[in-house]
């Protein structure tokens, strides 16, 4: 069974650096609400499956990518 979390991980792997709004639009369409995936994003951040950059504000939104421990390249 494909879950929202699985789709989110696959999208972040394929297109790292997307914002929360870009992720939700890619998954659910142009008029989707970014709150639809905030729970999944928070859970994935907490278990270190994804990482984010940015300050999370206008002009510097959070951008998501798969988590890579420091010192590991590739």
Protein backbone atom coordinates (compact mmCIF):
# COMPACT_ATOMS: atom_id res chain seq x y z
CA UNK A 1 0.00 0.00 0.00
CA UNK A 2 1.37 3.41 -0.99
CA UNK A 3 0.99 5.99 1.76
CA UNK A 4 1.36 9.75 1.71
CA UNK A 5 4.60 9.31 3.64
CA UNK A 6 5.96 6.92 1.00
CA UNK A 7 4.97 9.29 -1.81
CA UNK A 8 6.57 12.20 0.06
CA UNK A 9 9.86 10.33 0.56
CA UNK A 10 9.96 9.29 -3.11
CA UNK A 11 9.33 12.87 -4.23
CA UNK A 12 12.00 14.30 -1.91
CA UNK A 13 14.47 11.71 -3.19
CA UNK A 14 13.67 12.54 -6.81
CA UNK A 15 13.48 16.34 -6.37
CA UNK A 16 15.45 17.46 -3.32
CA UNK A 17 15.19 21.09 -2.29
CA UNK A 18 11.45 21.58 -2.74
CA UNK A 19 9.50 23.68 -0.25
CA UNK A 20 6.54 22.35 1.73
CA UNK A 21 4.12 24.09 -0.65
CA UNK A 22 5.91 22.69 -3.71
CA UNK A 23 5.79 19.20 -2.21
CA UNK A 24 2.07 19.34 -1.48
CA UNK A 25 1.31 20.76 -4.95
CA UNK A 26 3.35 18.00 -6.59
CA UNK A 27 1.44 15.37 -4.60
CA UNK A 28 -2.10 16.79 -4.58
CA UNK A 29 -2.35 19.53 -7.20
CA UNK A 30 -2.10 23.31 -7.50
CA UNK A 31 -4.82 24.20 -5.00
CA UNK A 32 -3.78 21.83 -2.24
CA UNK A 33 -3.13 23.07 1.30
CA UNK A 34 0.38 22.58 2.66
CA UNK A 35 -1.13 21.53 6.00
CA UNK A 36 -2.06 18.24 4.33
CA UNK A 37 1.51 16.96 4.78
CA UNK A 38 2.84 18.83 7.82
CA UNK A 39 2.33 15.82 10.11
CA UNK A 40 4.29 13.55 7.79
CA UNK A 41 7.07 16.11 7.39
CA UNK A 42 7.40 16.58 11.17
CA UNK A 43 7.49 12.82 11.76
CA UNK A 44 10.13 12.29 9.04
CA UNK A 45 12.26 15.11 10.47
CA UNK A 46 12.00 13.66 13.97
CA UNK A 47 13.17 10.19 12.90
CA UNK A 48 15.86 11.73 10.67
CA UNK A 49 14.62 10.38 7.37
CA UNK A 50 14.62 13.90 5.92
CA UNK A 51 16.48 17.13 6.64
CA UNK A 52 15.65 20.75 5.93
CA UNK A 53 17.49 23.95 5.17
CA UNK A 54 16.29 27.55 5.34
CA UNK A 55 14.79 29.67 8.09
CA UNK A 56 11.17 28.80 7.38
CA UNK A 57 10.12 32.34 6.59
CA UNK A 58 9.22 34.45 3.59
CA UNK A 59 12.23 34.70 1.30
CA UNK A 60 13.95 31.71 2.92
CA UNK A 61 11.44 28.84 3.21
CA UNK A 62 12.33 25.41 4.50
CA UNK A 63 13.59 23.13 1.74
CA UNK A 64 13.60 19.38 2.21
CA UNK A 65 15.98 16.58 1.23
CA UNK A 66 16.75 13.06 2.39
CA UNK A 67 18.82 12.97 5.57
CA UNK A 68 22.53 12.26 5.13
CA UNK A 69 24.72 11.98 8.21
CA UNK A 70 27.63 14.42 8.15
CA UNK A 71 30.79 13.05 6.58
CA UNK A 72 28.95 10.82 4.12
CA UNK A 73 29.16 11.98 0.51
CA UNK A 74 27.18 10.92 -2.47
